[in-house]
PDB file of N, CA and C in Angstrom:
ATOM      1  N   MET A   1     -58.604 -10.582   4.385  1.00  0.00           N
ATOM      2  CA  MET A   1     -59.740 -10.096   5.148  1.00  0.00           C
ATOM      3  C   MET A   1     -60.878  -9.751   4.208  1.00  0.00           C
ATOM      4  N   ILE A   2     -62.066  -9.814   4.757  1.00  0.00           N
ATOM      5  CA  ILE A   2     -63.271  -9.505   4.004  1.00  0.00           C
ATOM      6  C   ILE A   2     -63.820  -8.182   4.502  1.00  0.00           C
ATOM      7  N   ARG A   3     -64.179  -7.323   3.572  1.00  0.00           N
ATOM      8  CA  ARG A   3     -64.693  -6.011   3.946  1.00  0.00           C
ATOM      9  C   ARG A   3     -66.190  -6.083   4.226  1.00  0.00           C
ATOM     10  N   LYS A   4     -66.615  -5.464   5.318  1.00  0.00           N
ATOM     11  CA  LYS A   4     -68.029  -5.371   5.699  1.00  0.00           C
ATOM     12  C   LYS A   4     -68.350  -3.915   5.999  1.00  0.00           C
ATOM     13  N   GLN A   5     -69.572  -3.528   5.736  1.00  0.00           N
ATOM     14  CA  GLN A   5     -70.017  -2.197   6.107  1.00  0.00           C
ATOM     15  C   GLN A   5     -71.148  -2.348   7.109  1.00  0.00           C
ATOM     16  N   VAL A   6     -71.128  -1.542   8.161  1.00  0.00           N
ATOM     17  CA  VAL A   6     -72.159  -1.601   9.192  1.00  0.00           C
ATOM     18  C   VAL A   6     -72.615  -0.191   9.536  1.00  0.00           C
ATOM     19  N   TYR A   7     -73.809  -0.101  10.068  1.00  0.00           N
ATOM     20  CA  TYR A   7     -74.326   1.160  10.569  1.00  0.00           C
ATOM     21  C   TYR A   7     -74.164   1.170  12.080  1.00  0.00           C
ATOM     22  N   LEU A   8     -73.675   2.277  12.618  1.00  0.00           N
ATOM     23  CA  LEU A   8     -73.501   2.434  14.057  1.00  0.00           C
ATOM     24  C   LEU A   8     -74.372   3.573  14.552  1.00  0.00           C
ATOM     25  N   SER A   9     -74.853   3.411  15.764  1.00  0.00           N
ATOM     26  CA  SER A   9     -75.568   4.520  16.388  1.00  0.00           C
ATOM     27  C   SER A   9     -74.535   5.597  16.735  1.00  0.00           C
ATOM     28  N   GLN A  10     -74.996   6.787  17.022  1.00  0.00           N
ATOM     29  CA  GLN A  10     -74.074   7.853  17.404  1.00  0.00           C
ATOM     30  C   GLN A  10     -73.343   7.503  18.692  1.00  0.00           C
ATOM     31  N   ASP A  11     -74.038   6.830  19.610  1.00  0.00           N
ATOM     32  CA  ASP A  11     -73.401   6.408  20.857  1.00  0.00           C
ATOM     33  C   ASP A  11     -72.287   5.392  20.595  1.00  0.00           C
ATOM     34  N   ASN A  12     -72.571   4.420  19.707  1.00  0.00           N
ATOM     35  CA  ASN A  12     -71.548   3.433  19.362  1.00  0.00           C
ATOM     36  C   ASN A  12     -70.342   4.095  18.710  1.00  0.00           C
ATOM     37  N   GLU A  13     -70.597   5.036  17.835  1.00  0.00           N
ATOM     38  CA  GLU A  13     -69.510   5.756  17.156  1.00  0.00           C
ATOM     39  C   GLU A  13     -68.655   6.520  18.160  1.00  0.00           C
ATOM     40  N   ARG A  14     -69.309   7.190  19.090  1.00  0.00           N
ATOM     41  CA  ARG A  14     -68.587   7.944  20.106  1.00  0.00           C
ATOM     42  C   ARG A  14     -67.730   7.008  20.973  1.00  0.00           C
ATOM     43  N   ASP A  15     -68.334   5.901  21.412  1.00  0.00           N
ATOM     44  CA  ASP A  15     -67.600   4.946  22.236  1.00  0.00           C
ATOM     45  C   ASP A  15     -66.435   4.320  21.473  1.00  0.00           C
ATOM     46  N   LEU A  16     -66.665   3.982  20.228  1.00  0.00           N
ATOM     47  CA  LEU A  16     -65.617   3.388  19.400  1.00  0.00           C
ATOM     48  C   LEU A  16     -64.428   4.334  19.271  1.00  0.00           C
ATOM     49  N   LYS A  17     -64.689   5.587  18.967  1.00  0.00           N
ATOM     50  CA  LYS A  17     -63.610   6.566  18.841  1.00  0.00           C
ATOM     51  C   LYS A  17     -62.870   6.766  20.168  1.00  0.00           C
ATOM     52  N   LYS A  18     -63.640   6.863  21.247  1.00  0.00           N
ATOM     53  CA  LYS A  18     -63.049   7.092  22.567  1.00  0.00           C
ATOM     54  C   LYS A  18     -62.120   5.946  22.964  1.00  0.00           C
ATOM     55  N   HIS A  19     -62.602   4.715  22.846  1.00  0.00           N
ATOM     56  CA  HIS A  19     -61.800   3.570  23.278  1.00  0.00           C
ATOM     57  C   HIS A  19     -60.642   3.281  22.327  1.00  0.00           C
ATOM     58  N   SER A  20     -60.864   3.508  21.071  1.00  0.00           N
ATOM     59  CA  SER A  20     -59.792   3.313  20.096  1.00  0.00           C
ATOM     60  C   SER A  20     -58.638   4.286  20.369  1.00  0.00           C
ATOM     61  N   LYS A  21     -58.995   5.507  20.668  1.00  0.00           N
ATOM     62  CA  LYS A  21     -57.975   6.520  20.972  1.00  0.00           C
ATOM     63  C   LYS A  21     -57.276   6.202  22.290  1.00  0.00           C
ATOM     64  N   ARG A  22     -58.059   5.833  23.309  1.00  0.00           N
ATOM     65  CA  ARG A  22     -57.501   5.537  24.623  1.00  0.00           C
ATOM     66  C   ARG A  22     -56.562   4.339  24.582  1.00  0.00           C
ATOM     67  N   LEU A  23     -56.941   3.320  23.823  1.00  0.00           N
ATOM     68  CA  LEU A  23     -56.123   2.104  23.730  1.00  0.00           C
ATOM     69  C   LEU A  23     -55.032   2.184  22.662  1.00  0.00           C
ATOM     70  N   ARG A  24     -55.090   3.257  21.872  1.00  0.00           N
ATOM     71  CA  ARG A  24     -54.129   3.469  20.776  1.00  0.00           C
ATOM     72  C   ARG A  24     -54.135   2.311  19.778  1.00  0.00           C
ATOM     73  N   ILE A  25     -55.359   1.936  19.394  1.00  0.00           N
ATOM     74  CA  ILE A  25     -55.541   0.915  18.358  1.00  0.00           C
ATOM     75  C   ILE A  25     -56.546   1.447  17.344  1.00  0.00           C
ATOM     76  N   SER A  26     -56.547   0.846  16.181  1.00  0.00           N
ATOM     77  CA  SER A  26     -57.466   1.321  15.144  1.00  0.00           C
ATOM     78  C   SER A  26     -58.904   0.939  15.486  1.00  0.00           C
ATOM     79  N   GLU A  27     -59.837   1.703  14.955  1.00  0.00           N
ATOM     80  CA  GLU A  27     -61.248   1.397  15.163  1.00  0.00           C
ATOM     81  C   GLU A  27     -61.569   0.030  14.566  1.00  0.00           C
ATOM     82  N   ALA A  28     -60.986  -0.262  13.404  1.00  0.00           N
ATOM     83  CA  ALA A  28     -61.229  -1.551  12.754  1.00  0.00           C
ATOM     84  C   ALA A  28     -60.765  -2.710  13.637  1.00  0.00           C
ATOM     85  N   PHE A  29     -59.595  -2.555  14.259  1.00  0.00           N
ATOM     86  CA  PHE A  29     -59.098  -3.614  15.132  1.00  0.00           C
ATOM     87  C   PHE A  29     -60.024  -3.793  16.329  1.00  0.00           C
ATOM     88  N   LEU A  30     -60.486  -2.698  16.895  1.00  0.00           N
ATOM     89  CA  LEU A  30     -61.380  -2.757  18.051  1.00  0.00           C
ATOM     90  C   LEU A  30     -62.691  -3.455  17.678  1.00  0.00           C
ATOM     91  N   ILE A  31     -63.222  -3.169  16.516  1.00  0.00           N
ATOM     92  CA  ILE A  31     -64.450  -3.827  16.048  1.00  0.00           C
ATOM     93  C   ILE A  31     -64.203  -5.319  15.863  1.00  0.00           C
ATOM     94  N   ARG A  32     -63.094  -5.685  15.207  1.00  0.00           N
ATOM     95  CA  ARG A  32     -62.786  -7.103  15.004  1.00  0.00           C
ATOM     96  C   ARG A  32     -62.631  -7.827  16.337  1.00  0.00           C
ATOM     97  N   GLU A  33     -61.937  -7.203  17.280  1.00  0.00           N
ATOM     98  CA  GLU A  33     -61.726  -7.815  18.588  1.00  0.00           C
ATOM     99  C   GLU A  33     -63.045  -7.974  19.333  1.00  0.00           C
ATOM    100  N   ALA A  34     -63.911  -6.974  19.246  1.00  0.00           N
ATOM    101  CA  ALA A  34     -65.214  -7.044  19.917  1.00  0.00           C
ATOM    102  C   ALA A  34     -66.049  -8.193  19.338  1.00  0.00           C
ATOM    103  N   ILE A  35     -66.050  -8.344  18.029  1.00  0.00           N
ATOM    104  CA  ILE A  35     -66.784  -9.428  17.383  1.00  0.00           C
ATOM    105  C   ILE A  35     -66.210 -10.779  17.811  1.00  0.00           C
ATOM    106  N   TYR A  36     -64.885 -10.872  17.838  1.00  0.00           N
ATOM    107  CA  TYR A  36     -64.226 -12.107  18.243  1.00  0.00           C
ATOM    108  C   TYR A  36     -64.631 -12.496  19.666  1.00  0.00           C
ATOM    109  N   GLN A  37     -64.532 -11.543  20.599  1.00  0.00           N
ATOM    110  CA  GLN A  37     -64.867 -11.820  21.994  1.00  0.00           C
ATOM    111  C   GLN A  37     -66.350 -12.175  22.150  1.00  0.00           C
ATOM    112  N   TYR A  38     -67.215 -11.462  21.456  1.00  0.00           N
ATOM    113  CA  TYR A  38     -68.652 -11.717  21.540  1.00  0.00           C
ATOM    114  C   TYR A  38     -68.965 -13.129  21.053  1.00  0.00           C
ATOM    115  N   CYS A  39     -68.393 -13.512  19.936  1.00  0.00           N
ATOM    116  CA  CYS A  39     -68.638 -14.852  19.392  1.00  0.00           C
ATOM    117  C   CYS A  39     -68.091 -15.941  20.307  1.00  0.00           C
ATOM    118  N   ARG A  40     -66.927 -15.721  20.919  1.00  0.00           N
ATOM    119  CA  ARG A  40     -66.380 -16.711  21.863  1.00  0.00           C
ATOM    120  C   ARG A  40     -67.308 -16.871  23.059  1.00  0.00           C
ATOM    121  N   ASN A  41     -67.843 -15.756  23.551  1.00  0.00           N
ATOM    122  CA  ASN A  41     -68.769 -15.821  24.686  1.00  0.00           C
ATOM    123  C   ASN A  41     -70.048 -16.571  24.322  1.00  0.00           C
ATOM    124  N   LEU A  42     -70.547 -16.360  23.107  1.00  0.00           N
ATOM    125  CA  LEU A  42     -71.731 -17.097  22.661  1.00  0.00           C
ATOM    126  C   LEU A  42     -71.452 -18.587  22.617  1.00  0.00           C
ATOM    127  N   GLU A  43     -70.304 -18.963  22.072  1.00  0.00           N
ATOM    128  CA  GLU A  43     -69.944 -20.376  21.986  1.00  0.00           C
ATOM    129  C   GLU A  43     -69.807 -20.984  23.369  1.00  0.00           C
ATOM    130  N   LYS A  44     -69.252 -20.217  24.295  1.00  0.00           N
ATOM    131  CA  LYS A  44     -69.091 -20.710  25.660  1.00  0.00           C
ATOM    132  C   LYS A  44     -70.459 -20.955  26.289  1.00  0.00           C
ATOM    133  N   LYS A  45     -71.400 -20.031  26.066  1.00  0.00           N
ATOM    134  CA  LYS A  45     -72.745 -20.182  26.619  1.00  0.00           C
ATOM    135  C   LYS A  45     -73.463 -21.371  25.998  1.00  0.00           C
ATOM    136  N   GLU A  46     -73.249 -21.568  24.681  1.00  0.00           N
ATOM    137  CA  GLU A  46     -73.927 -22.658  23.986  1.00  0.00           C
ATOM    138  C   GLU A  46     -73.402 -24.019  24.424  1.00  0.00           C
ATOM    139  N   THR A  47     -72.157 -24.099  24.834  1.00  0.00           N
ATOM    140  CA  THR A  47     -71.591 -25.380  25.221  1.00  0.00           C
ATOM    141  C   THR A  47     -71.737 -25.658  26.709  1.00  0.00           C
ATOM    142  N   SER A  48     -72.107 -24.656  27.485  1.00  0.00           N
ATOM    143  CA  SER A  48     -72.277 -24.888  28.917  1.00  0.00           C
ATOM    144  C   SER A  48     -73.735 -25.256  29.209  1.00  0.00           C
ATOM    145  N   HIS A  49     -73.945 -25.957  30.266  1.00  0.00           N
ATOM    146  CA  HIS A  49     -75.278 -26.368  30.684  1.00  0.00           C
ATOM    147  C   HIS A  49     -75.847 -25.296  31.617  1.00  0.00           C
ATOM    148  N   PRO A  50     -77.125 -24.977  31.506  1.00  0.00           N
ATOM    149  CA  PRO A  50     -77.702 -23.941  32.373  1.00  0.00           C
ATOM    150  C   PRO A  50     -77.507 -24.205  33.867  1.00  0.00           C
ATOM    151  N   LEU A  51     -77.464 -25.455  34.255  1.00  0.00           N
ATOM    152  CA  LEU A  51     -77.298 -25.766  35.672  1.00  0.00           C
ATOM    153  C   LEU A  51     -75.902 -25.453  36.181  1.00  0.00           C
ATOM    154  N   ASP A  52     -74.942 -25.243  35.268  1.00  0.00           N
ATOM    155  CA  ASP A  52     -73.591 -24.859  35.691  1.00  0.00           C
ATOM    156  C   ASP A  52     -73.618 -23.557  36.490  1.00  0.00           C
ATOM    157  N   GLY A  53     -74.627 -22.742  36.254  1.00  0.00           N
ATOM    158  CA  GLY A  53     -74.723 -21.454  36.933  1.00  0.00           C
ATOM    159  C   GLY A  53     -75.036 -21.540  38.416  1.00  0.00           C
ATOM    160  N   ILE A  54     -75.537 -22.681  38.873  1.00  0.00           N
ATOM    161  CA  ILE A  54     -75.869 -22.777  40.293  1.00  0.00           C
ATOM    162  C   ILE A  54     -74.846 -23.593  41.085  1.00  0.00           C
ATOM    163  N   ILE A  55     -73.817 -24.093  40.413  1.00  0.00           N
ATOM    164  CA  ILE A  55     -72.779 -24.826  41.129  1.00  0.00           C
ATOM    165  C   ILE A  55     -72.093 -23.871  42.099  1.00  0.00           C
ATOM    166  N   GLY A  56     -72.047 -24.255  43.345  1.00  0.00           N
ATOM    167  CA  GLY A  56     -71.392 -23.438  44.358  1.00  0.00           C
ATOM    168  C   GLY A  56     -72.212 -22.259  44.837  1.00  0.00           C
ATOM    169  N   ILE A  57     -73.493 -22.240  44.536  1.00  0.00           N
ATOM    170  CA  ILE A  57     -74.326 -21.092  44.896  1.00  0.00           C
ATOM    171  C   ILE A  57     -74.368 -20.883  46.412  1.00  0.00           C
ATOM    172  N   ALA A  58     -74.368 -21.977  47.167  1.00  0.00           N
ATOM    173  CA  ALA A  58     -74.407 -21.847  48.633  1.00  0.00           C
ATOM    174  C   ALA A  58     -73.096 -21.282  49.168  1.00  0.00           C
ATOM    175  N   ALA A  59     -71.998 -21.592  48.502  1.00  0.00           N
ATOM    176  CA  ALA A  59     -70.699 -21.092  48.950  1.00  0.00           C
ATOM    177  C   ALA A  59     -70.590 -19.582  48.764  1.00  0.00           C
ATOM    178  N   LYS A  60     -71.430 -19.023  47.917  1.00  0.00           N
ATOM    179  CA  LYS A  60     -71.407 -17.583  47.665  1.00  0.00           C
ATOM    180  C   LYS A  60     -72.256 -16.824  48.675  1.00  0.00           C
ATOM    181  N   GLY A  61     -72.812 -17.542  49.664  1.00  0.00           N
ATOM    182  CA  GLY A  61     -73.587 -16.880  50.712  1.00  0.00           C
ATOM    183  C   GLY A  61     -75.053 -16.689  50.385  1.00  0.00           C
ATOM    184  N   ARG A  62     -75.505 -17.199  49.267  1.00  0.00           N
ATOM    185  CA  ARG A  62     -76.919 -17.048  48.906  1.00  0.00           C
ATOM    186  C   ARG A  62     -77.715 -18.142  49.607  1.00  0.00           C
ATOM    187  N   LYS A  63     -78.754 -17.733  50.296  1.00  0.00           N
ATOM    188  CA  LYS A  63     -79.548 -18.690  51.046  1.00  0.00           C
ATOM    189  C   LYS A  63     -80.906 -18.955  50.383  1.00  0.00           C
ATOM    190  N   ASP A  64     -81.154 -18.336  49.233  1.00  0.00           N
ATOM    191  CA  ASP A  64     -82.448 -18.490  48.577  1.00  0.00           C
ATOM    192  C   ASP A  64     -82.347 -19.249  47.254  1.00  0.00           C
ATOM    193  N   GLY A  65     -81.310 -20.040  47.093  1.00  0.00           N
ATOM    194  CA  GLY A  65     -81.097 -20.768  45.843  1.00  0.00           C
ATOM    195  C   GLY A  65     -82.221 -21.724  45.507  1.00  0.00           C
ATOM    196  N   ALA A  66     -82.816 -22.364  46.517  1.00  0.00           N
ATOM    197  CA  ALA A  66     -83.906 -23.302  46.268  1.00  0.00           C
ATOM    198  C   ALA A  66     -85.150 -22.587  45.756  1.00  0.00           C
ATOM    199  N   ILE A  67     -85.374 -21.382  46.232  1.00  0.00           N
ATOM    200  CA  ILE A  67     -86.557 -20.625  45.835  1.00  0.00           C
ATOM    201  C   ILE A  67     -86.318 -19.851  44.534  1.00  0.00           C
ATOM    202  N   ASN A  68     -85.158 -19.220  44.420  1.00  0.00           N
ATOM    203  CA  ASN A  68     -84.871 -18.320  43.292  1.00  0.00           C
ATOM    204  C   ASN A  68     -83.897 -18.899  42.271  1.00  0.00           C
ATOM    205  N   HIS A  69     -83.927 -20.211  42.094  1.00  0.00           N
ATOM    206  CA  HIS A  69     -83.007 -20.822  41.133  1.00  0.00           C
ATOM    207  C   HIS A  69     -83.200 -20.281  39.714  1.00  0.00           C
ATOM    208  N   ASP A  70     -84.436 -19.967  39.321  1.00  0.00           N
ATOM    209  CA  ASP A  70     -84.662 -19.404  37.987  1.00  0.00           C
ATOM    210  C   ASP A  70     -84.019 -18.027  37.837  1.00  0.00           C
ATOM    211  N   TYR A  71     -83.986 -17.283  38.921  1.00  0.00           N
ATOM    212  CA  TYR A  71     -83.318 -15.979  38.894  1.00  0.00           C
ATOM    213  C   TYR A  71     -81.825 -16.159  38.636  1.00  0.00           C
ATOM    214  N   TYR A  72     -81.198 -17.077  39.367  1.00  0.00           N
ATOM    215  CA  TYR A  72     -79.757 -17.275  39.243  1.00  0.00           C
ATOM    216  C   TYR A  72     -79.370 -17.959  37.931  1.00  0.00           C
ATOM    217  N   LEU A  73     -80.268 -18.764  37.365  1.00  0.00           N
ATOM    218  CA  LEU A  73     -79.968 -19.449  36.112  1.00  0.00           C
ATOM    219  C   LEU A  73     -80.297 -18.612  34.886  1.00  0.00           C
ATOM    220  N   TYR A  74     -81.468 -17.976  34.891  1.00  0.00           N
ATOM    221  CA  TYR A  74     -81.975 -17.332  33.675  1.00  0.00           C
ATOM    222  C   TYR A  74     -82.252 -15.844  33.801  1.00  0.00           C
ATOM    223  N   GLY A  75     -82.126 -15.308  35.015  1.00  0.00           N
ATOM    224  CA  GLY A  75     -82.396 -13.888  35.204  1.00  0.00           C
ATOM    225  C   GLY A  75     -83.864 -13.573  35.388  1.00  0.00           C
ATOM    226  N   ALA A  76     -84.675 -14.593  35.663  1.00  0.00           N
ATOM    227  CA  ALA A  76     -86.111 -14.368  35.894  1.00  0.00           C
ATOM    228  C   ALA A  76     -86.282 -13.546  37.178  1.00  0.00           C
ATOM    229  N   PRO A  77     -87.427 -12.891  37.342  1.00  0.00           N
ATOM    230  CA  PRO A  77     -87.655 -12.109  38.572  1.00  0.00           C
ATOM    231  C   PRO A  77     -87.537 -12.988  39.813  1.00  0.00           C
ATOM    232  N   LYS A  78     -87.032 -12.414  40.892  1.00  0.00           N
ATOM    233  CA  LYS A  78     -86.899 -13.155  42.152  1.00  0.00           C
ATOM    234  C   LYS A  78     -88.275 -13.360  42.767  1.00  0.00           C
ATOM    235  N   LYS A  79     -88.423 -14.515  43.436  1.00  0.00           N
ATOM    236  CA  LYS A  79     -89.652 -14.818  44.167  1.00  0.00           C
ATOM    237  C   LYS A  79     -89.442 -14.416  45.610  1.00  0.00           C
ATOM    238  N   ARG A  80     -90.510 -14.068  46.265  1.00  0.00           N
ATOM    239  CA  ARG A  80     -90.428 -13.728  47.681  1.00  0.00           C
ATOM    240  C   ARG A  80     -90.568 -14.997  48.507  1.00  0.00           C
ATOM    241  N   LYS A  81     -89.941 -14.984  49.679  1.00  0.00           N
ATOM    242  CA  LYS A  81     -90.027 -16.154  50.566  1.00  0.00           C
ATOM    243  C   LYS A  81     -91.388 -16.301  51.160  1.00  0.00           C
TER     244      LYS A  81
END
């Protein structure tokens, strides 16, 4: 393993201690796992196509997909009808 040093906000430190204690795992393991999961999610987003987000949108009961597709794809503000 390679050693790294990072600065954490007080909130991050508090959360890290709380979850590490609750899960009964080391803080270092929790940090490594968080980095691993974050990187996997980034890779998943990079390999998926933005239009994948609207597949099945009508089946979810949304009736404004044609108007608010940018909202559902990218999080842009919703347009009014």
